[in-house]
Amino acid sequence: MIAVAAEIAAGPAVAQDRPLLLPERDVAVVYRVVGGPPSVPEMRMAWLAGEGRQRIEVPGGGRATVVDHKDLGASFIVADEQRVVIPLPGRVGASMGLPGGAGPAGRFTRTGTAAYAGLPCTVWRYEDEKQTGEACITADGVMLRGVGTQDGRTGGVEAVRVDYGPQDPARFRRPEGYRVVQPPAAPAPAPPGR
């Protein structure tokens, strides 16, 4: 659910009004999952702001996804129990961690203000060619609530705890000694007429 660009030019030299989509400083957030499977009641995200890296974890899942918003080709999944790293294709990491998966080309409209986890935020509606949603984002780029619809499915997250402070850079790097496993290739499309 968070993209790379902070501003998109709506025309030559005219910037679109939009939120920061990545935190400006290191932060860790615990989210309550809204509209997801009951087996996933919460999610944790942390940002190493200076490097544009984000770590996404589902407690008890045994895996973490690290998204490098500056170099999407460097994003990966780490499975500690199997001591495995799975590289993510750049297109997969492009919208991970963004409000509802909104990409940099999404259109944002400011709709109001709210507060979650004791912090104020601005509510933004967003849409692009594949999804719509709403996110409440702090002035320094932390998403406190995000709910979106894609392919007819609605879900999101709401912050229950926000901790600003330095993050351990090692948690955002590929662990040494782990085996690299390539993700399975997508099946080839069926020939026309079949």
C-alpha atoms as a PDB file:
ATOM      1  CA  MET A   1       0.000   0.000   0.000  1.00  0.00           C
ATOM      2  CA  ILE A   2       3.014   3.496  -0.762  1.00  0.00           C
ATOM      3  CA  ALA A   3       4.726   4.824  -4.176  1.00  0.00           C
ATOM      4  CA  VAL A   4       7.914   6.583  -5.076  1.00  0.00           C
ATOM      5  CA  ALA A   5       7.072  10.049  -6.348  1.00  0.00           C
ATOM      6  CA  ALA A   6       6.058  12.887  -4.037  1.00  0.00           C
ATOM      7  CA  GLU A   7       4.687  15.064  -6.828  1.00  0.00           C
ATOM      8  CA  ILE A   8       3.567  14.356 -10.379  1.00  0.00           C
ATOM      9  CA  ALA A   9       3.459  17.064 -12.990  1.00  0.00           C
ATOM     10  CA  ALA A  10      -0.111  17.558 -14.163  1.00  0.00           C
ATOM     11  CA  GLY A  11       1.155  19.596 -17.084  1.00  0.00           C
ATOM     12  CA  PRO A  12       4.314  21.449 -17.943  1.00  0.00           C
ATOM     13  CA  ALA A  13       5.598  22.883 -14.640  1.00  0.00           C
ATOM     14  CA  VAL A  14       2.236  22.461 -12.809  1.00  0.00           C
ATOM     15  CA  ALA A  15       2.334  20.109  -9.807  1.00  0.00           C
ATOM     16  CA  GLN A  16      -0.703  18.074  -8.756  1.00  0.00           C
ATOM     17  CA  ASP A  17      -1.900  18.433  -5.135  1.00  0.00           C
ATOM     18  CA  ARG A  18      -1.060  15.096  -3.529  1.00  0.00           C
ATOM     19  CA  PRO A  19       0.259  13.659  -0.270  1.00  0.00           C
ATOM     20  CA  LEU A  20       3.750  12.455   0.480  1.00  0.00           C
ATOM     21  CA  LEU A  21       3.590   8.742  -0.262  1.00  0.00           C
ATOM     22  CA  LEU A  22       6.666   7.747   1.743  1.00  0.00           C
ATOM     23  CA  PRO A  23       7.601   8.794   5.275  1.00  0.00           C
ATOM     24  CA  GLU A  24      10.236  11.523   5.569  1.00  0.00           C
ATOM     25  CA  ARG A  25      11.753   9.962   8.697  1.00  0.00           C
ATOM     26  CA  ASP A  26      12.239   6.486  10.147  1.00  0.00           C
ATOM     27  CA  VAL A  27       9.080   5.040  11.633  1.00  0.00           C
ATOM     28  CA  ALA A  28       7.458   1.702  12.560  1.00  0.00           C
ATOM     29  CA  VAL A  29       3.675   1.270  12.450  1.00  0.00           C
ATOM     30  CA  VAL A  30       1.409  -1.509  13.708  1.00  0.00           C
ATOM     31  CA  TYR A  31      -1.810  -1.692  11.676  1.00  0.00           C
ATOM     32  CA  ARG A  32      -5.115  -3.427  12.326  1.00  0.00           C
ATOM     33  CA  VAL A  33      -6.215  -5.153   9.106  1.00  0.00           C
ATOM     34  CA  VAL A  34      -9.645  -3.981   7.876  1.00  0.00           C
ATOM     35  CA  GLY A  35     -11.694  -6.308   5.671  1.00  0.00           C
ATOM     36  CA  GLY A  36      -8.989  -8.942   5.323  1.00  0.00           C
ATOM     37  CA  PRO A  37      -8.985 -12.610   6.303  1.00  0.00           C
ATOM     38  CA  PRO A  38      -9.598 -13.193  10.038  1.00  0.00           C
ATOM     39  CA  SER A  39      -6.300 -15.094  10.195  1.00  0.00           C
ATOM     40  CA  VAL A  40      -4.425 -11.815   9.525  1.00  0.00           C
ATOM     41  CA  PRO A  41      -5.579  -9.424  12.275  1.00  0.00           C
ATOM     42  CA  GLU A  42      -2.587  -7.086  12.064  1.00  0.00           C
ATOM     43  CA  MET A  43       0.327  -6.032   9.902  1.00  0.00           C
ATOM     44  CA  ARG A  44       3.565  -4.214  10.704  1.00  0.00           C
ATOM     45  CA  MET A  45       5.384  -1.802   8.439  1.00  0.00           C
ATOM     46  CA  ALA A  46       8.654  -0.007   9.061  1.00  0.00           C
ATOM     47  CA  TRP A  47      10.520   2.528   6.931  1.00  0.00           C
ATOM     48  CA  LEU A  48      14.214   3.298   6.651  1.00  0.00           C
ATOM     49  CA  ALA A  49      13.432   6.722   5.235  1.00  0.00           C
ATOM     50  CA  GLY A  50      16.911   7.819   4.152  1.00  0.00           C
ATOM     51  CA  GLU A  51      17.234   4.769   1.905  1.00  0.00           C
ATOM     52  CA  GLY A  52      13.621   4.663   0.710  1.00  0.00           C
ATOM     53  CA  ARG A  53      13.179   1.119   2.046  1.00  0.00           C
ATOM     54  CA  GLN A  54      10.087  -0.372   3.613  1.00  0.00           C
ATOM     55  CA  ARG A  55       9.631  -3.646   5.521  1.00  0.00           C
ATOM     56  CA  ILE A  56       6.192  -5.307   5.633  1.00  0.00           C
ATOM     57  CA  GLU A  57       5.465  -8.153   8.075  1.00  0.00           C
ATOM     58  CA  VAL A  58       2.446 -10.190   9.079  1.00  0.00           C
ATOM     59  CA  PRO A  59       3.090 -11.513  12.621  1.00  0.00           C
ATOM     60  CA  GLY A  60       3.394 -15.283  12.716  1.00  0.00           C
ATOM     61  CA  GLY A  61       3.844 -15.454   8.942  1.00  0.00           C
ATOM     62  CA  GLY A  62       7.581 -16.180   9.092  1.00  0.00           C
ATOM     63  CA  ARG A  63       8.209 -13.893   6.115  1.00  0.00           C
ATOM     64  CA  ALA A  64       8.881 -10.242   5.473  1.00  0.00           C
ATOM     65  CA  THR A  65       8.744  -8.213   2.274  1.00  0.00           C
ATOM     66  CA  VAL A  66      11.329  -5.480   1.801  1.00  0.00           C
ATOM     67  CA  VAL A  67      10.485  -2.894  -0.842  1.00  0.00           C
ATOM     68  CA  ASP A  68      13.209  -0.586  -2.128  1.00  0.00           C
ATOM     69  CA  HIS A  69      11.278   2.409  -3.459  1.00  0.00           C
ATOM     70  CA  LYS A  70      14.450   3.907  -4.979  1.00  0.00           C
ATOM     71  CA  ASP A  71      15.372   0.696  -6.872  1.00  0.00           C
ATOM     72  CA  LEU A  72      12.301  -1.520  -7.257  1.00  0.00           C
ATOM     73  CA  GLY A  73      14.448  -4.259  -8.780  1.00  0.00           C
ATOM     74  CA  ALA A  74      16.161  -4.606  -5.385  1.00  0.00           C
ATOM     75  CA  SER A  75      12.914  -5.534  -3.554  1.00  0.00           C
ATOM     76  CA  PHE A  76      12.628  -9.029  -2.055  1.00  0.00           C
ATOM     77  CA  ILE A  77      10.844 -11.427   0.296  1.00  0.00           C
ATOM     78  CA  VAL A  78      12.827 -13.023   3.110  1.00  0.00           C
ATOM     79  CA  ALA A  79      11.751 -16.319   4.726  1.00  0.00           C
ATOM     80  CA  ASP A  80      13.834 -16.716   7.883  1.00  0.00           C
ATOM     81  CA  GLU A  81      12.753 -20.282   8.723  1.00  0.00           C
ATOM     82  CA  GLN A  82      13.859 -21.555   5.297  1.00  0.00           C
ATOM     83  CA  ARG A  83      16.799 -19.114   5.148  1.00  0.00           C
ATOM     84  CA  VAL A  84      15.632 -18.053   1.681  1.00  0.00           C
ATOM     85  CA  VAL A  85      15.474 -14.737  -0.201  1.00  0.00           C
ATOM     86  CA  ILE A  86      13.041 -14.374  -3.123  1.00  0.00           C
ATOM     87  CA  PRO A  87      13.713 -11.376  -5.421  1.00  0.00           C
ATOM     88  CA  LEU A  88      10.605  -9.430  -6.494  1.00  0.00           C
ATOM     89  CA  PRO A  89      10.162  -8.187 -10.054  1.00  0.00           C
ATOM     90  CA  GLY A  90      10.160  -4.359 -10.139  1.00  0.00           C
ATOM     91  CA  ARG A  91       6.541  -4.171 -11.296  1.00  0.00           C
ATOM     92  CA  VAL A  92       5.438  -6.129  -8.191  1.00  0.00           C
ATOM     93  CA  GLY A  93       7.228  -3.835  -5.740  1.00  0.00           C
ATOM     94  CA  ALA A  94       6.067  -0.637  -7.460  1.00  0.00           C
ATOM     95  CA  SER A  95       2.832  -0.284  -5.515  1.00  0.00           C
ATOM     96  CA  MET A  96       3.461  -2.393  -2.422  1.00  0.00           C
ATOM     97  CA  GLY A  97       2.966  -0.462   0.760  1.00  0.00           C
ATOM     98  CA  LEU A  98       1.267   2.434  -1.004  1.00  0.00           C
ATOM     99  CA  PRO A  99      -2.207   3.594  -0.034  1.00  0.00           C
ATOM    100  CA  GLY A 100      -4.366   0.874  -1.580  1.00  0.00           C
ATOM    101  CA  GLY A 101      -1.555   0.139  -4.011  1.00  0.00           C
ATOM    102  CA  ALA A 102      -1.906   3.599  -5.577  1.00  0.00           C
ATOM    103  CA  GLY A 103       0.848   4.204  -8.073  1.00  0.00           C
ATOM    104  CA  PRO A 104       2.663   7.427  -8.818  1.00  0.00           C
ATOM    105  CA  ALA A 105       0.223   8.195 -11.648  1.00  0.00           C
ATOM    106  CA  GLY A 106      -2.813   7.975  -9.339  1.00  0.00           C
ATOM    107  CA  ARG A 107      -5.088  10.994  -8.945  1.00  0.00           C
ATOM    108  CA  PHE A 108      -5.509  12.321  -5.396  1.00  0.00           C
ATOM    109  CA  THR A 109      -8.204  14.618  -3.981  1.00  0.00           C
ATOM    110  CA  ARG A 110      -7.977  16.102  -0.486  1.00  0.00           C
ATOM    111  CA  THR A 111     -11.294  15.479   1.340  1.00  0.00           C
ATOM    112  CA  GLY A 112     -10.790  16.353   5.014  1.00  0.00           C
ATOM    113  CA  THR A 113      -8.864  15.558   8.175  1.00  0.00           C
ATOM    114  CA  ALA A 114      -8.957  12.856  10.848  1.00  0.00           C
ATOM    115  CA  ALA A 115      -6.769  11.266  13.529  1.00  0.00           C
ATOM    116  CA  TYR A 116      -5.647   7.681  14.104  1.00  0.00           C
ATOM    117  CA  ALA A 117      -3.290   6.288  16.748  1.00  0.00           C
ATOM    118  CA  GLY A 118      -3.307   9.770  18.311  1.00  0.00           C
ATOM    119  CA  LEU A 119      -1.879  11.521  15.228  1.00  0.00           C
ATOM    120  CA  PRO A 120      -3.586  13.982  12.858  1.00  0.00           C
ATOM    121  CA  CYS A 121      -3.732  13.200   9.148  1.00  0.00           C
ATOM    122  CA  THR A 122      -5.228  14.450   5.912  1.00  0.00           C
ATOM    123  CA  VAL A 123      -7.808  12.257   4.176  1.00  0.00           C
ATOM    124  CA  TRP A 124      -7.166  11.729   0.460  1.00  0.00           C
ATOM    125  CA  ARG A 125      -9.360   9.972  -2.117  1.00  0.00           C
ATOM    126  CA  TYR A 126      -7.354   8.365  -4.882  1.00  0.00           C
ATOM    127  CA  GLU A 127      -7.978   6.512  -8.096  1.00  0.00           C
ATOM    128  CA  ASP A 128      -6.087   5.154 -11.031  1.00  0.00           C
ATOM    129  CA  GLU A 129      -6.911   2.789 -13.877  1.00  0.00           C
ATOM    130  CA  LYS A 130      -7.195  -0.252 -11.577  1.00  0.00           C
ATOM    131  CA  GLN A 131      -8.242   0.885  -8.106  1.00  0.00           C
ATOM    132  CA  THR A 132      -9.920   3.468  -5.933  1.00  0.00           C
ATOM    133  CA  GLY A 133      -9.640   4.191  -2.250  1.00  0.00           C
ATOM    134  CA  GLU A 134      -9.075   6.560   0.588  1.00  0.00           C
ATOM    135  CA  ALA A 135      -6.006   7.124   2.757  1.00  0.00           C
ATOM    136  CA  CYS A 136      -5.326   9.301   5.774  1.00  0.00           C
ATOM    137  CA  ILE A 137      -1.686  10.425   5.614  1.00  0.00           C
ATOM    138  CA  THR A 138       0.312  12.568   8.047  1.00  0.00           C
ATOM    139  CA  ALA A 139       2.094  15.711   6.893  1.00  0.00           C
ATOM    140  CA  ASP A 140       5.392  13.780   7.028  1.00  0.00           C
ATOM    141  CA  GLY A 141       4.130  10.909   4.832  1.00  0.00           C
ATOM    142  CA  VAL A 142       2.959   8.185   7.245  1.00  0.00           C
ATOM    143  CA  MET A 143      -0.234   6.431   6.189  1.00  0.00           C
ATOM    144  CA  LEU A 144      -2.433   6.035   9.273  1.00  0.00           C
ATOM    145  CA  ARG A 145      -5.416   4.514   7.476  1.00  0.00           C
ATOM    146  CA  GLY A 146      -5.861   3.193   3.981  1.00  0.00           C
ATOM    147  CA  VAL A 147      -8.839   1.406   2.439  1.00  0.00           C
ATOM    148  CA  GLY A 148      -9.089   0.546  -1.223  1.00  0.00           C
ATOM    149  CA  THR A 149     -10.949  -1.509  -3.812  1.00  0.00           C
ATOM    150  CA  GLN A 150      -9.244  -3.450  -6.564  1.00  0.00           C
ATOM    151  CA  ASP A 151     -10.783  -6.125  -8.786  1.00  0.00           C
ATOM    152  CA  GLY A 152     -13.987  -5.939  -6.726  1.00  0.00           C
ATOM    153  CA  ARG A 153     -12.226  -6.648  -3.407  1.00  0.00           C
ATOM    154  CA  THR A 154     -12.098  -4.075  -0.603  1.00  0.00           C
ATOM    155  CA  GLY A 155      -9.667  -4.056   2.290  1.00  0.00           C
ATOM    156  CA  GLY A 156      -7.208  -1.919   4.149  1.00  0.00           C
ATOM    157  CA  VAL A 157      -5.329  -1.089   7.313  1.00  0.00           C
ATOM    158  CA  GLU A 158      -5.672   1.314  10.250  1.00  0.00           C
ATOM    159  CA  ALA A 159      -2.765   2.335  12.498  1.00  0.00           C
ATOM    160  CA  VAL A 160      -3.011   1.342  16.158  1.00  0.00           C
ATOM    161  CA  ARG A 161       0.569   2.283  17.125  1.00  0.00           C
ATOM    162  CA  VAL A 162       3.165   4.583  15.527  1.00  0.00           C
ATOM    163  CA  ASP A 163       6.754   4.682  16.777  1.00  0.00           C
ATOM    164  CA  TYR A 164       9.075   7.285  15.268  1.00  0.00           C
ATOM    165  CA  GLY A 165      12.765   6.578  15.688  1.00  0.00           C
ATOM    166  CA  PRO A 166      15.835   5.057  14.042  1.00  0.00           C
ATOM    167  CA  GLN A 167      15.304   1.659  12.424  1.00  0.00           C
ATOM    168  CA  ASP A 168      17.943  -1.096  12.289  1.00  0.00           C
ATOM    169  CA  PRO A 169      19.292  -0.999   8.697  1.00  0.00           C
ATOM    170  CA  ALA A 170      20.063  -4.753   8.828  1.00  0.00           C
ATOM    171  CA  ARG A 171      16.307  -5.490   8.816  1.00  0.00           C
ATOM    172  CA  PHE A 172      16.082  -3.853   5.372  1.00  0.00           C
ATOM    173  CA  ARG A 173      18.943  -5.808   3.752  1.00  0.00           C
ATOM    174  CA  ARG A 174      19.246  -9.289   2.286  1.00  0.00           C
ATOM    175  CA  PRO A 175      20.536 -11.536   5.086  1.00  0.00           C
ATOM    176  CA  GLU A 176      23.953 -13.040   4.435  1.00  0.00           C
ATOM    177  CA  GLY A 177      24.103 -16.795   3.944  1.00  0.00           C
ATOM    178  CA  TYR A 178      20.498 -17.095   2.737  1.00  0.00           C
ATOM    179  CA  ARG A 179      19.828 -19.012  -0.485  1.00  0.00           C
ATOM    180  CA  VAL A 180      18.321 -16.949  -3.346  1.00  0.00           C
ATOM    181  CA  VAL A 181      15.273 -18.582  -4.928  1.00  0.00           C
ATOM    182  CA  GLN A 182      13.753 -17.113  -8.085  1.00  0.00           C
ATOM    183  CA  PRO A 183       9.969 -16.619  -8.040  1.00  0.00           C
ATOM    184  CA  PRO A 184       8.004 -18.971 -10.299  1.00  0.00           C
ATOM    185  CA  ALA A 185       7.497 -17.635 -13.813  1.00  0.00           C
ATOM    186  CA  ALA A 186       4.017 -16.536 -14.763  1.00  0.00           C
ATOM    187  CA  PRO A 187       2.282 -19.027 -17.041  1.00  0.00           C
ATOM    188  CA  ALA A 188       2.382 -18.209 -20.740  1.00  0.00           C
ATOM    189  CA  PRO A 189      -0.905 -16.867 -22.112  1.00  0.00           C
ATOM    190  CA  ALA A 190      -3.023 -19.359 -24.019  1.00  0.00           C
ATOM    191  CA  PRO A 191      -2.930 -19.000 -27.805  1.00  0.00           C
ATOM    192  CA  PRO A 192      -5.925 -17.140 -29.309  1.00  0.00           C
ATOM    193  CA  GLY A 193      -8.968 -19.290 -29.956  1.00  0.00           C
ATOM    194  CA  ARG A 194      -8.342 -21.766 -27.133  1.00  0.00           C
END
